[in-house]
């Protein structure tokens, strides 16, 4: 797509202080400890695209989502929305105008909906907060239309969240996200708490809504099948860092980073192709004390001395394809694979 991206994330970093209380540190003689949840993550999302972040649990993808949504502040880095640096916004009016343009859908629809409120009040809250309707009748009309959009009956607005199934509650959450007419929606594993058949319905609904309203998604998931169905581009995260960034088709057809290849090899081979597969081995390192150099090197079959000493950079490895791996940069990965085949 041409033109400036709708969302730009540059050098996003987040540390959490996980130190023991002050007196414990004094008595035990231990320093403060910091958990590196996200480190130097950068990506761009064009209008109308779906950019997906994938990786194992604890890799930092949900922390990225919450920083982009403004729920937590980054320790370093910039988040630019439609050319406006979020950190540079000073006035309340300007911040309010900017916030109206994005929304978030959470993983657990039951936890994200107020159990004391009826559905019509839940969906109407953003409309009231941003002053998008003039009177009560107009608000009721918009709420009814939103319920129709997500394939629910307007009469459902009189019910409470506990009266719905998990899939229906997520439809309500989607209706609430659409109520302030956003351009950009952050989806933090919106289907992981749902049955497989319901997941497909919600994903297809989200695709239809994207086409109908011209929405842009940041989609967080650990399910590669879901990501393949939804994403235009995919970013693969490992221990807080982005290790590969590529168009969806290129990532699945020709993954370059060893971690991405291992993730794909972990997916069951339903077609029974007979291709040799290398499942992910080992445990994710402690993010409080990550390994030196490339953080993936303790689990990587292609690791050499350079991998243990030097942190790799995210470099181009193809058209619109980036990867941070010394073995890929030096061509070692391709040579070693060729030797294995021989």
C-alpha atoms as a PDB file:
ATOM      1  CA  UNK A   1       0.000   0.000   0.000  1.00  0.00           C
ATOM      2  CA  UNK A   2       1.155   3.546  -0.746  1.00  0.00           C
ATOM      3  CA  UNK A   3       1.371   6.467   1.645  1.00  0.00           C
ATOM      4  CA  UNK A   4       2.434   6.726   5.263  1.00  0.00           C
ATOM      5  CA  UNK A   5       1.523   3.844   7.590  1.00  0.00           C
ATOM      6  CA  UNK A   6      -1.382   4.304   9.996  1.00  0.00           C
ATOM      7  CA  UNK A   7       0.615   2.949  12.950  1.00  0.00           C
ATOM      8  CA  UNK A   8       4.380   3.092  13.474  1.00  0.00           C
ATOM      9  CA  UNK A   9       6.096   1.478  16.442  1.00  0.00           C
ATOM     10  CA  UNK A  10       9.765   2.433  16.857  1.00  0.00           C
ATOM     11  CA  UNK A  11      12.149   0.900  19.394  1.00  0.00           C
ATOM     12  CA  UNK A  12       9.370  -0.019  21.804  1.00  0.00           C
ATOM     13  CA  UNK A  13      10.776  -1.225  25.132  1.00  0.00           C
ATOM     14  CA  UNK A  14       9.199  -2.081  28.479  1.00  0.00           C
ATOM     15  CA  UNK A  15      10.886  -3.109  31.729  1.00  0.00           C
ATOM     16  CA  UNK A  16       9.050  -4.145  34.891  1.00  0.00           C
ATOM     17  CA  UNK A  17      10.583  -3.735  38.333  1.00  0.00           C
ATOM     18  CA  UNK A  18      10.296  -7.164  40.005  1.00  0.00           C
ATOM     19  CA  UNK A  19      12.658  -6.389  42.883  1.00  0.00           C
ATOM     20  CA  UNK A  20      12.144  -7.639  46.405  1.00  0.00           C
ATOM     21  CA  UNK A  21      10.990  -5.081  49.005  1.00  0.00           C
ATOM     22  CA  UNK A  22      13.627  -2.548  50.141  1.00  0.00           C
ATOM     23  CA  UNK A  23      14.317  -4.141  53.540  1.00  0.00           C
ATOM     24  CA  UNK A  24      14.720  -7.600  51.989  1.00  0.00           C
ATOM     25  CA  UNK A  25      17.266  -6.209  49.525  1.00  0.00           C
ATOM     26  CA  UNK A  26      19.211  -4.545  52.339  1.00  0.00           C
ATOM     27  CA  UNK A  27      19.272  -7.651  54.546  1.00  0.00           C
ATOM     28  CA  UNK A  28      20.042 -10.085  51.729  1.00  0.00           C
ATOM     29  CA  UNK A  29      22.385  -7.719  49.914  1.00  0.00           C
ATOM     30  CA  UNK A  30      20.721  -8.159  46.531  1.00  0.00           C
ATOM     31  CA  UNK A  31      20.250  -5.438  43.889  1.00  0.00           C
ATOM     32  CA  UNK A  32      17.053  -4.415  42.126  1.00  0.00           C
ATOM     33  CA  UNK A  33      15.817  -6.793  39.433  1.00  0.00           C
ATOM     34  CA  UNK A  34      14.108  -5.851  36.190  1.00  0.00           C
ATOM     35  CA  UNK A  35      12.152  -8.053  33.836  1.00  0.00           C
ATOM     36  CA  UNK A  36      12.672  -7.168  30.170  1.00  0.00           C
ATOM     37  CA  UNK A  37       9.187  -7.802  28.771  1.00  0.00           C
ATOM     38  CA  UNK A  38       9.709  -6.004  25.438  1.00  0.00           C
ATOM     39  CA  UNK A  39      12.990  -4.823  23.940  1.00  0.00           C
ATOM     40  CA  UNK A  40      13.495  -2.587  20.890  1.00  0.00           C
ATOM     41  CA  UNK A  41      10.436  -3.713  18.903  1.00  0.00           C
ATOM     42  CA  UNK A  42       9.676  -1.828  15.667  1.00  0.00           C
ATOM     43  CA  UNK A  43       7.024  -2.393  12.998  1.00  0.00           C
ATOM     44  CA  UNK A  44       4.581  -0.518  10.751  1.00  0.00           C
ATOM     45  CA  UNK A  45       0.924  -1.178   9.938  1.00  0.00           C
ATOM     46  CA  UNK A  46      -0.685   0.274   6.823  1.00  0.00           C
ATOM     47  CA  UNK A  47      -4.361   1.238   6.749  1.00  0.00           C
ATOM     48  CA  UNK A  48      -6.596  -1.760   6.051  1.00  0.00           C
ATOM     49  CA  UNK A  49      -3.908  -4.312   6.973  1.00  0.00           C
ATOM     50  CA  UNK A  50      -3.851  -6.936   9.699  1.00  0.00           C
ATOM     51  CA  UNK A  51      -0.459  -7.140  11.379  1.00  0.00           C
ATOM     52  CA  UNK A  52      -0.182 -10.201  13.627  1.00  0.00           C
ATOM     53  CA  UNK A  53       2.263 -10.817  16.474  1.00  0.00           C
ATOM     54  CA  UNK A  54       2.895 -14.472  17.315  1.00  0.00           C
ATOM     55  CA  UNK A  55       5.126 -16.349  19.721  1.00  0.00           C
ATOM     56  CA  UNK A  56       5.147 -18.550  22.793  1.00  0.00           C
ATOM     57  CA  UNK A  57       3.418 -17.444  25.997  1.00  0.00           C
ATOM     58  CA  UNK A  58       5.478 -14.819  27.791  1.00  0.00           C
ATOM     59  CA  UNK A  59       7.223 -13.488  24.677  1.00  0.00           C
ATOM     60  CA  UNK A  60       5.832  -9.972  25.205  1.00  0.00           C
ATOM     61  CA  UNK A  61       3.201  -9.742  22.478  1.00  0.00           C
ATOM     62  CA  UNK A  62       0.347  -8.798  24.832  1.00  0.00           C
ATOM     63  CA  UNK A  63       2.585  -6.191  26.495  1.00  0.00           C
ATOM     64  CA  UNK A  64       3.144  -4.641  23.064  1.00  0.00           C
ATOM     65  CA  UNK A  65      -0.633  -4.608  22.503  1.00  0.00           C
ATOM     66  CA  UNK A  66      -1.262  -2.844  25.810  1.00  0.00           C
ATOM     67  CA  UNK A  67       1.401  -0.231  25.108  1.00  0.00           C
ATOM     68  CA  UNK A  68      -0.022   0.473  21.655  1.00  0.00           C
ATOM     69  CA  UNK A  69      -3.493   0.778  23.230  1.00  0.00           C
ATOM     70  CA  UNK A  70      -2.167   3.206  25.832  1.00  0.00           C
ATOM     71  CA  UNK A  71      -2.995   0.969  28.804  1.00  0.00           C
ATOM     72  CA  UNK A  72       0.644   0.945  29.951  1.00  0.00           C
ATOM     73  CA  UNK A  73       3.453   3.375  29.154  1.00  0.00           C
ATOM     74  CA  UNK A  74       6.605   2.241  27.324  1.00  0.00           C
ATOM     75  CA  UNK A  75       9.965   2.516  29.073  1.00  0.00           C
ATOM     76  CA  UNK A  76      11.436   3.682  25.761  1.00  0.00           C
ATOM     77  CA  UNK A  77      10.466   4.022  22.117  1.00  0.00           C
ATOM     78  CA  UNK A  78       7.713   5.771  20.171  1.00  0.00           C
ATOM     79  CA  UNK A  79       4.168   4.948  19.061  1.00  0.00           C
ATOM     80  CA  UNK A  80       3.057   7.089  16.120  1.00  0.00           C
ATOM     81  CA  UNK A  81      -0.604   7.005  15.086  1.00  0.00           C
ATOM     82  CA  UNK A  82      -1.435   8.589  11.733  1.00  0.00           C
ATOM     83  CA  UNK A  83       1.649  10.793  11.936  1.00  0.00           C
ATOM     84  CA  UNK A  84       1.041  11.887  15.555  1.00  0.00           C
ATOM     85  CA  UNK A  85       3.508  10.825  18.248  1.00  0.00           C
ATOM     86  CA  UNK A  86       1.363   9.617  21.155  1.00  0.00           C
ATOM     87  CA  UNK A  87       3.896  10.813  23.731  1.00  0.00           C
ATOM     88  CA  UNK A  88       3.934  14.320  22.231  1.00  0.00           C
ATOM     89  CA  UNK A  89       0.187  14.881  22.668  1.00  0.00           C
ATOM     90  CA  UNK A  90      -0.240  17.554  25.326  1.00  0.00           C
ATOM     91  CA  UNK A  91      -3.849  18.731  25.382  1.00  0.00           C
ATOM     92  CA  UNK A  92      -6.675  16.604  26.747  1.00  0.00           C
ATOM     93  CA  UNK A  93      -8.868  17.491  23.767  1.00  0.00           C
ATOM     94  CA  UNK A  94      -6.255  16.295  21.268  1.00  0.00           C
ATOM     95  CA  UNK A  95      -5.657  13.083  23.211  1.00  0.00           C
ATOM     96  CA  UNK A  96      -9.403  12.431  23.389  1.00  0.00           C
ATOM     97  CA  UNK A  97      -9.749  12.983  19.638  1.00  0.00           C
ATOM     98  CA  UNK A  98      -6.894  10.571  18.968  1.00  0.00           C
ATOM     99  CA  UNK A  99      -8.156   7.884  21.356  1.00  0.00           C
ATOM    100  CA  UNK A 100     -11.548   7.808  19.653  1.00  0.00           C
ATOM    101  CA  UNK A 101      -9.848   6.410  16.560  1.00  0.00           C
ATOM    102  CA  UNK A 102      -8.723   3.111  18.143  1.00  0.00           C
ATOM    103  CA  UNK A 103     -10.159   0.398  20.366  1.00  0.00           C
ATOM    104  CA  UNK A 104      -9.197  -2.940  21.901  1.00  0.00           C
ATOM    105  CA  UNK A 105     -10.773  -6.392  22.057  1.00  0.00           C
ATOM    106  CA  UNK A 106      -9.557  -8.498  24.989  1.00  0.00           C
ATOM    107  CA  UNK A 107      -8.901 -12.221  25.313  1.00  0.00           C
ATOM    108  CA  UNK A 108     -11.584 -13.106  27.866  1.00  0.00           C
ATOM    109  CA  UNK A 109     -14.952 -11.588  26.902  1.00  0.00           C
ATOM    110  CA  UNK A 110     -16.504 -12.352  30.292  1.00  0.00           C
ATOM    111  CA  UNK A 111     -13.736 -10.554  32.202  1.00  0.00           C
ATOM    112  CA  UNK A 112     -13.798  -7.553  29.850  1.00  0.00           C
ATOM    113  CA  UNK A 113     -17.556  -6.911  30.197  1.00  0.00           C
ATOM    114  CA  UNK A 114     -19.027  -5.310  33.334  1.00  0.00           C
ATOM    115  CA  UNK A 115     -21.244  -8.039  34.888  1.00  0.00           C
ATOM    116  CA  UNK A 116     -23.415  -5.385  36.612  1.00  0.00           C
ATOM    117  CA  UNK A 117     -24.340  -3.598  33.391  1.00  0.00           C
ATOM    118  CA  UNK A 118     -26.840  -4.637  30.768  1.00  0.00           C
ATOM    119  CA  UNK A 119     -25.471  -5.129  27.266  1.00  0.00           C
ATOM    120  CA  UNK A 120     -27.053  -1.969  25.837  1.00  0.00           C
ATOM    121  CA  UNK A 121     -25.298   0.160  28.498  1.00  0.00           C
ATOM    122  CA  UNK A 122     -21.962  -1.604  27.850  1.00  0.00           C
ATOM    123  CA  UNK A 123     -22.113  -0.900  24.123  1.00  0.00           C
ATOM    124  CA  UNK A 124     -23.424   2.636  24.601  1.00  0.00           C
ATOM    125  CA  UNK A 125     -20.647   3.700  26.994  1.00  0.00           C
ATOM    126  CA  UNK A 126     -18.095   4.721  24.267  1.00  0.00           C
ATOM    127  CA  UNK A 127     -20.852   6.526  22.368  1.00  0.00           C
ATOM    128  CA  UNK A 128     -21.633   8.601  25.463  1.00  0.00           C
ATOM    129  CA  UNK A 129     -17.977   9.068  26.418  1.00  0.00           C
ATOM    130  CA  UNK A 130     -17.055  10.530  23.036  1.00  0.00           C
ATOM    131  CA  UNK A 131     -20.333  12.397  22.505  1.00  0.00           C
ATOM    132  CA  UNK A 132     -21.216  10.562  19.274  1.00  0.00           C
ATOM    133  CA  UNK A 133     -25.008  10.804  19.694  1.00  0.00           C
ATOM    134  CA  UNK A 134     -27.268  13.683  20.598  1.00  0.00           C
ATOM    135  CA  UNK A 135     -30.037  12.020  22.599  1.00  0.00           C
ATOM    136  CA  UNK A 136     -31.140   8.768  24.211  1.00  0.00           C
ATOM    137  CA  UNK A 137     -33.172   7.641  21.186  1.00  0.00           C
ATOM    138  CA  UNK A 138     -30.172   8.042  18.879  1.00  0.00           C
ATOM    139  CA  UNK A 139     -27.965   6.063  21.280  1.00  0.00           C
ATOM    140  CA  UNK A 140     -30.543   3.258  21.460  1.00  0.00           C
ATOM    141  CA  UNK A 141     -30.746   3.189  17.673  1.00  0.00           C
ATOM    142  CA  UNK A 142     -26.959   2.963  17.287  1.00  0.00           C
ATOM    143  CA  UNK A 143     -26.741   0.182  19.905  1.00  0.00           C
ATOM    144  CA  UNK A 144     -29.437  -1.813  18.096  1.00  0.00           C
ATOM    145  CA  UNK A 145     -27.627  -1.404  14.769  1.00  0.00           C
ATOM    146  CA  UNK A 146     -24.335  -2.513  16.302  1.00  0.00           C
ATOM    147  CA  UNK A 147     -25.965  -5.652  17.717  1.00  0.00           C
ATOM    148  CA  UNK A 148     -27.288  -6.429  14.234  1.00  0.00           C
ATOM    149  CA  UNK A 149     -23.817  -5.894  12.760  1.00  0.00           C
ATOM    150  CA  UNK A 150     -22.346  -8.598  15.041  1.00  0.00           C
ATOM    151  CA  UNK A 151     -25.272 -10.954  14.276  1.00  0.00           C
ATOM    152  CA  UNK A 152     -27.180 -10.497  17.539  1.00  0.00           C
ATOM    153  CA  UNK A 153     -30.759  -9.351  18.135  1.00  0.00           C
ATOM    154  CA  UNK A 154     -31.317  -5.746  19.306  1.00  0.00           C
ATOM    155  CA  UNK A 155     -33.530  -7.197  22.087  1.00  0.00           C
ATOM    156  CA  UNK A 156     -30.375  -8.807  23.536  1.00  0.00           C
ATOM    157  CA  UNK A 157     -29.389  -5.359  24.781  1.00  0.00           C
ATOM    158  CA  UNK A 158     -31.674  -5.815  27.787  1.00  0.00           C
ATOM    159  CA  UNK A 159     -29.737  -8.859  29.033  1.00  0.00           C
ATOM    160  CA  UNK A 160     -26.653  -9.179  31.237  1.00  0.00           C
ATOM    161  CA  UNK A 161     -23.330 -10.681  30.012  1.00  0.00           C
ATOM    162  CA  UNK A 162     -23.760 -13.904  32.037  1.00  0.00           C
ATOM    163  CA  UNK A 163     -26.860 -14.754  29.981  1.00  0.00           C
ATOM    164  CA  UNK A 164     -24.765 -15.299  26.844  1.00  0.00           C
ATOM    165  CA  UNK A 165     -22.357 -17.956  25.614  1.00  0.00           C
ATOM    166  CA  UNK A 166     -18.644 -17.232  25.206  1.00  0.00           C
ATOM    167  CA  UNK A 167     -18.948 -16.572  21.483  1.00  0.00           C
ATOM    168  CA  UNK A 168     -21.919 -14.251  21.986  1.00  0.00           C
ATOM    169  CA  UNK A 169     -20.041 -12.340  24.682  1.00  0.00           C
ATOM    170  CA  UNK A 170     -17.147 -11.814  22.295  1.00  0.00           C
ATOM    171  CA  UNK A 171     -19.610 -10.496  19.698  1.00  0.00           C
ATOM    172  CA  UNK A 172     -20.800  -8.008  22.335  1.00  0.00           C
ATOM    173  CA  UNK A 173     -17.178  -7.008  22.978  1.00  0.00           C
ATOM    174  CA  UNK A 174     -16.709  -6.467  19.232  1.00  0.00           C
ATOM    175  CA  UNK A 175     -19.896  -4.348  19.099  1.00  0.00           C
ATOM    176  CA  UNK A 176     -18.548  -2.234  21.968  1.00  0.00           C
ATOM    177  CA  UNK A 177     -15.232  -1.840  20.139  1.00  0.00           C
ATOM    178  CA  UNK A 178     -17.078  -0.626  17.030  1.00  0.00           C
ATOM    179  CA  UNK A 179     -19.356   1.783  18.898  1.00  0.00           C
ATOM    180  CA  UNK A 180     -16.961   4.766  18.748  1.00  0.00           C
ATOM    181  CA  UNK A 181     -16.320   4.203  15.012  1.00  0.00           C
ATOM    182  CA  UNK A 182     -12.593   3.379  15.305  1.00  0.00           C
ATOM    183  CA  UNK A 183     -10.128   2.992  12.451  1.00  0.00           C
ATOM    184  CA  UNK A 184      -7.667   0.771  14.327  1.00  0.00           C
ATOM    185  CA  UNK A 185      -8.493  -2.169  16.623  1.00  0.00           C
ATOM    186  CA  UNK A 186      -6.005  -4.060  18.820  1.00  0.00           C
ATOM    187  CA  UNK A 187      -7.119  -7.686  19.168  1.00  0.00           C
ATOM    188  CA  UNK A 188      -5.401  -9.467  22.072  1.00  0.00           C
ATOM    189  CA  UNK A 189      -6.025 -13.177  21.405  1.00  0.00           C
ATOM    190  CA  UNK A 190      -9.758 -12.563  20.835  1.00  0.00           C
ATOM    191  CA  UNK A 191     -10.598 -16.209  20.092  1.00  0.00           C
ATOM    192  CA  UNK A 192      -8.227 -18.220  22.312  1.00  0.00           C
ATOM    193  CA  UNK A 193     -10.890 -18.682  25.036  1.00  0.00           C
ATOM    194  CA  UNK A 194     -13.495 -19.990  22.564  1.00  0.00           C
ATOM    195  CA  UNK A 195     -14.352 -23.386  21.091  1.00  0.00           C
ATOM    196  CA  UNK A 196     -12.828 -24.117  17.679  1.00  0.00           C
ATOM    197  CA  UNK A 197     -16.146 -23.889  15.805  1.00  0.00           C
ATOM    198  CA  UNK A 198     -16.967 -20.586  17.509  1.00  0.00           C
ATOM    199  CA  UNK A 199     -13.463 -19.294  16.766  1.00  0.00           C
ATOM    200  CA  UNK A 200     -14.111 -19.677  13.050  1.00  0.00           C
ATOM    201  CA  UNK A 201     -17.367 -17.717  13.306  1.00  0.00           C
ATOM    202  CA  UNK A 202     -15.734 -14.842  15.204  1.00  0.00           C
ATOM    203  CA  UNK A 203     -12.729 -14.702  12.856  1.00  0.00           C
ATOM    204  CA  UNK A 204     -14.962 -14.638   9.785  1.00  0.00           C
ATOM    205  CA  UNK A 205     -17.046 -11.896  11.416  1.00  0.00           C
ATOM    206  CA  UNK A 206     -13.901  -9.858  12.060  1.00  0.00           C
ATOM    207  CA  UNK A 207     -12.787 -10.275   8.443  1.00  0.00           C
ATOM    208  CA  UNK A 208     -16.219  -9.151   7.206  1.00  0.00           C
ATOM    209  CA  UNK A 209     -16.175  -6.125   9.525  1.00  0.00           C
ATOM    210  CA  UNK A 210     -12.695  -5.199   8.334  1.00  0.00           C
ATOM    211  CA  UNK A 211     -13.898  -5.163   4.732  1.00  0.00           C
ATOM    212  CA  UNK A 212     -17.123  -3.310   5.588  1.00  0.00           C
ATOM    213  CA  UNK A 213     -15.628  -0.572   7.778  1.00  0.00           C
ATOM    214  CA  UNK A 214     -12.061  -0.417   6.419  1.00  0.00           C
ATOM    215  CA  UNK A 215     -10.573  -1.425   9.769  1.00  0.00           C
ATOM    216  CA  UNK A 216      -6.897  -1.931  10.565  1.00  0.00           C
ATOM    217  CA  UNK A 217      -5.986  -4.684  13.047  1.00  0.00           C
ATOM    218  CA  UNK A 218      -3.079  -5.435  15.344  1.00  0.00           C
ATOM    219  CA  UNK A 219      -3.793  -9.106  15.990  1.00  0.00           C
ATOM    220  CA  UNK A 220      -2.132 -10.946  18.886  1.00  0.00           C
ATOM    221  CA  UNK A 221      -2.199 -14.752  18.831  1.00  0.00           C
ATOM    222  CA  UNK A 222      -0.181 -17.888  19.523  1.00  0.00           C
ATOM    223  CA  UNK A 223      -2.280 -19.924  17.064  1.00  0.00           C
ATOM    224  CA  UNK A 224      -0.537 -20.052  13.689  1.00  0.00           C
ATOM    225  CA  UNK A 225      -3.644 -21.379  11.915  1.00  0.00           C
ATOM    226  CA  UNK A 226      -5.614 -18.337  13.102  1.00  0.00           C
ATOM    227  CA  UNK A 227      -2.813 -15.986  12.070  1.00  0.00           C
ATOM    228  CA  UNK A 228      -2.604 -17.540   8.611  1.00  0.00           C
ATOM    229  CA  UNK A 229      -6.330 -16.914   8.139  1.00  0.00           C
ATOM    230  CA  UNK A 230      -6.257 -13.314   9.397  1.00  0.00           C
ATOM    231  CA  UNK A 231      -2.905 -11.638   8.820  1.00  0.00           C
ATOM    232  CA  UNK A 232      -1.512  -9.550   6.000  1.00  0.00           C
ATOM    233  CA  UNK A 233       1.879  -9.376   7.718  1.00  0.00           C
ATOM    234  CA  UNK A 234       3.268 -11.369  10.634  1.00  0.00           C
ATOM    235  CA  UNK A 235       5.827 -10.495  13.280  1.00  0.00           C
ATOM    236  CA  UNK A 236       7.374 -13.342  15.278  1.00  0.00           C
ATOM    237  CA  UNK A 237       8.447 -12.496  18.835  1.00  0.00           C
ATOM    238  CA  UNK A 238      10.833 -14.350  21.112  1.00  0.00           C
ATOM    239  CA  UNK A 239      11.692 -13.276  24.656  1.00  0.00           C
ATOM    240  CA  UNK A 240      10.579  -9.689  24.094  1.00  0.00           C
ATOM    241  CA  UNK A 241      12.210  -9.159  20.700  1.00  0.00           C
ATOM    242  CA  UNK A 242      10.926  -9.240  17.133  1.00  0.00           C
ATOM    243  CA  UNK A 243      12.950 -11.943  15.361  1.00  0.00           C
ATOM    244  CA  UNK A 244      11.124 -12.051  12.010  1.00  0.00           C
ATOM    245  CA  UNK A 245       8.747  -9.753  10.111  1.00  0.00           C
ATOM    246  CA  UNK A 246       7.309 -10.810   6.763  1.00  0.00           C
ATOM    247  CA  UNK A 247       4.182 -10.936   4.597  1.00  0.00           C
ATOM    248  CA  UNK A 248       1.945 -13.810   5.686  1.00  0.00           C
ATOM    249  CA  UNK A 249       2.450 -15.950   2.581  1.00  0.00           C
ATOM    250  CA  UNK A 250       6.227 -15.472   2.598  1.00  0.00           C
ATOM    251  CA  UNK A 251       6.484 -16.401   6.275  1.00  0.00           C
ATOM    252  CA  UNK A 252       4.596 -19.679   5.835  1.00  0.00           C
ATOM    253  CA  UNK A 253       6.178 -20.579   2.489  1.00  0.00           C
ATOM    254  CA  UNK A 254       9.755 -19.610   3.340  1.00  0.00           C
ATOM    255  CA  UNK A 255      10.370 -18.932   7.063  1.00  0.00           C
ATOM    256  CA  UNK A 256      13.933 -17.726   7.614  1.00  0.00           C
ATOM    257  CA  UNK A 257      14.521 -17.534  11.370  1.00  0.00           C
ATOM    258  CA  UNK A 258      15.173 -20.909  13.076  1.00  0.00           C
ATOM    259  CA  UNK A 259      12.605 -20.096  15.775  1.00  0.00           C
ATOM    260  CA  UNK A 260       9.897 -19.426  13.178  1.00  0.00           C
ATOM    261  CA  UNK A 261      10.743 -22.723  11.485  1.00  0.00           C
ATOM    262  CA  UNK A 262      10.454 -24.563  14.780  1.00  0.00           C
ATOM    263  CA  UNK A 263       7.073 -22.953  15.506  1.00  0.00           C
ATOM    264  CA  UNK A 264       5.775 -24.066  12.118  1.00  0.00           C
ATOM    265  CA  UNK A 265       7.209 -27.560  12.607  1.00  0.00           C
ATOM    266  CA  UNK A 266       5.265 -27.816  15.876  1.00  0.00           C
ATOM    267  CA  UNK A 267       1.971 -27.568  13.954  1.00  0.00           C
ATOM    268  CA  UNK A 268       0.541 -31.088  13.316  1.00  0.00           C
ATOM    269  CA  UNK A 269       1.200 -32.292   9.765  1.00  0.00           C
ATOM    270  CA  UNK A 270      -2.364 -33.122   8.746  1.00  0.00           C
ATOM    271  CA  UNK A 271      -1.376 -33.694   5.113  1.00  0.00           C
ATOM    272  CA  UNK A 272       1.274 -36.250   6.223  1.00  0.00           C
ATOM    273  CA  UNK A 273       3.856 -34.920   3.773  1.00  0.00           C
ATOM    274  CA  UNK A 274       6.676 -36.904   5.356  1.00  0.00           C
ATOM    275  CA  UNK A 275       8.852 -33.781   5.541  1.00  0.00           C
ATOM    276  CA  UNK A 276      11.478 -33.844   8.293  1.00  0.00           C
ATOM    277  CA  UNK A 277      10.338 -31.686  11.207  1.00  0.00           C
ATOM    278  CA  UNK A 278      12.260 -30.155  14.106  1.00  0.00           C
ATOM    279  CA  UNK A 279       9.924 -29.395  17.028  1.00  0.00           C
ATOM    280  CA  UNK A 280      10.755 -26.610  19.475  1.00  0.00           C
ATOM    281  CA  UNK A 281      13.150 -27.893  22.136  1.00  0.00           C
ATOM    282  CA  UNK A 282      14.102 -26.641  25.567  1.00  0.00           C
ATOM    283  CA  UNK A 283      12.510 -24.028  27.798  1.00  0.00           C
ATOM    284  CA  UNK A 284      12.118 -20.285  27.366  1.00  0.00           C
ATOM    285  CA  UNK A 285      14.990 -18.585  29.279  1.00  0.00           C
ATOM    286  CA  UNK A 286      14.374 -16.428  32.326  1.00  0.00           C
ATOM    287  CA  UNK A 287      13.565 -12.895  31.050  1.00  0.00           C
ATOM    288  CA  UNK A 288      15.062 -11.414  34.232  1.00  0.00           C
ATOM    289  CA  UNK A 289      18.442 -12.887  33.255  1.00  0.00           C
ATOM    290  CA  UNK A 290      18.290 -13.511  29.474  1.00  0.00           C
ATOM    291  CA  UNK A 291      21.139 -15.280  27.631  1.00  0.00           C
ATOM    292  CA  UNK A 292      23.919 -13.204  26.114  1.00  0.00           C
ATOM    293  CA  UNK A 293      24.022 -12.523  22.385  1.00  0.00           C
ATOM    294  CA  UNK A 294      21.077 -14.037  20.551  1.00  0.00           C
ATOM    295  CA  UNK A 295      18.556 -14.998  23.237  1.00  0.00           C
ATOM    296  CA  UNK A 296      17.474 -18.016  21.146  1.00  0.00           C
ATOM    297  CA  UNK A 297      20.953 -19.544  20.929  1.00  0.00           C
ATOM    298  CA  UNK A 298      20.491 -22.070  23.844  1.00  0.00           C
ATOM    299  CA  UNK A 299      17.657 -23.727  21.848  1.00  0.00           C
ATOM    300  CA  UNK A 300      18.953 -23.173  18.300  1.00  0.00           C
ATOM    301  CA  UNK A 301      20.506 -26.065  16.321  1.00  0.00           C
ATOM    302  CA  UNK A 302      22.428 -23.561  14.144  1.00  0.00           C
ATOM    303  CA  UNK A 303      24.062 -21.578  16.988  1.00  0.00           C
ATOM    304  CA  UNK A 304      27.798 -20.778  16.768  1.00  0.00           C
ATOM    305  CA  UNK A 305      30.175 -18.746  18.944  1.00  0.00           C
ATOM    306  CA  UNK A 306      29.055 -15.453  17.389  1.00  0.00           C
ATOM    307  CA  UNK A 307      25.457 -16.206  18.396  1.00  0.00           C
ATOM    308  CA  UNK A 308      26.484 -16.468  22.045  1.00  0.00           C
ATOM    309  CA  UNK A 309      28.422 -13.188  22.064  1.00  0.00           C
ATOM    310  CA  UNK A 310      26.708 -10.779  19.640  1.00  0.00           C
ATOM    311  CA  UNK A 311      23.049  -9.748  19.504  1.00  0.00           C
ATOM    312  CA  UNK A 312      21.743 -10.065  15.917  1.00  0.00           C
ATOM    313  CA  UNK A 313      20.063  -7.169  14.115  1.00  0.00           C
ATOM    314  CA  UNK A 314      16.762  -7.287  12.218  1.00  0.00           C
ATOM    315  CA  UNK A 315      18.004  -7.228   8.611  1.00  0.00           C
ATOM    316  CA  UNK A 316      16.391  -7.667   5.158  1.00  0.00           C
ATOM    317  CA  UNK A 317      16.507 -11.288   3.944  1.00  0.00           C
ATOM    318  CA  UNK A 318      14.068 -10.917   1.039  1.00  0.00           C
ATOM    319  CA  UNK A 319      11.445  -8.611  -0.382  1.00  0.00           C
ATOM    320  CA  UNK A 320       9.660  -6.970   2.593  1.00  0.00           C
ATOM    321  CA  UNK A 321      11.121  -9.777   4.731  1.00  0.00           C
ATOM    322  CA  UNK A 322      13.238  -9.147   7.857  1.00  0.00           C
ATOM    323  CA  UNK A 323      14.969 -11.579  10.212  1.00  0.00           C
ATOM    324  CA  UNK A 324      17.463 -11.269  13.073  1.00  0.00           C
ATOM    325  CA  UNK A 325      19.758 -14.283  12.820  1.00  0.00           C
ATOM    326  CA  UNK A 326      23.518 -14.573  12.339  1.00  0.00           C
ATOM    327  CA  UNK A 327      23.118 -17.953  10.623  1.00  0.00           C
ATOM    328  CA  UNK A 328      20.774 -16.439   8.023  1.00  0.00           C
ATOM    329  CA  UNK A 329      22.948 -13.330   7.587  1.00  0.00           C
ATOM    330  CA  UNK A 330      26.088 -15.433   6.967  1.00  0.00           C
ATOM    331  CA  UNK A 331      24.319 -18.049   4.826  1.00  0.00           C
ATOM    332  CA  UNK A 332      25.202 -20.793   7.323  1.00  0.00           C
ATOM    333  CA  UNK A 333      21.605 -21.920   7.762  1.00  0.00           C
ATOM    334  CA  UNK A 334      21.148 -22.684   4.059  1.00  0.00           C
ATOM    335  CA  UNK A 335      24.516 -24.474   3.837  1.00  0.00           C
ATOM    336  CA  UNK A 336      23.816 -26.627   6.907  1.00  0.00           C
ATOM    337  CA  UNK A 337      20.381 -27.562   5.594  1.00  0.00           C
ATOM    338  CA  UNK A 338      21.843 -28.487   2.207  1.00  0.00           C
ATOM    339  CA  UNK A 339      24.398 -30.737   3.922  1.00  0.00           C
ATOM    340  CA  UNK A 340      21.632 -32.443   5.927  1.00  0.00           C
ATOM    341  CA  UNK A 341      19.680 -33.197   2.727  1.00  0.00           C
ATOM    342  CA  UNK A 342      22.808 -34.685   1.112  1.00  0.00           C
END
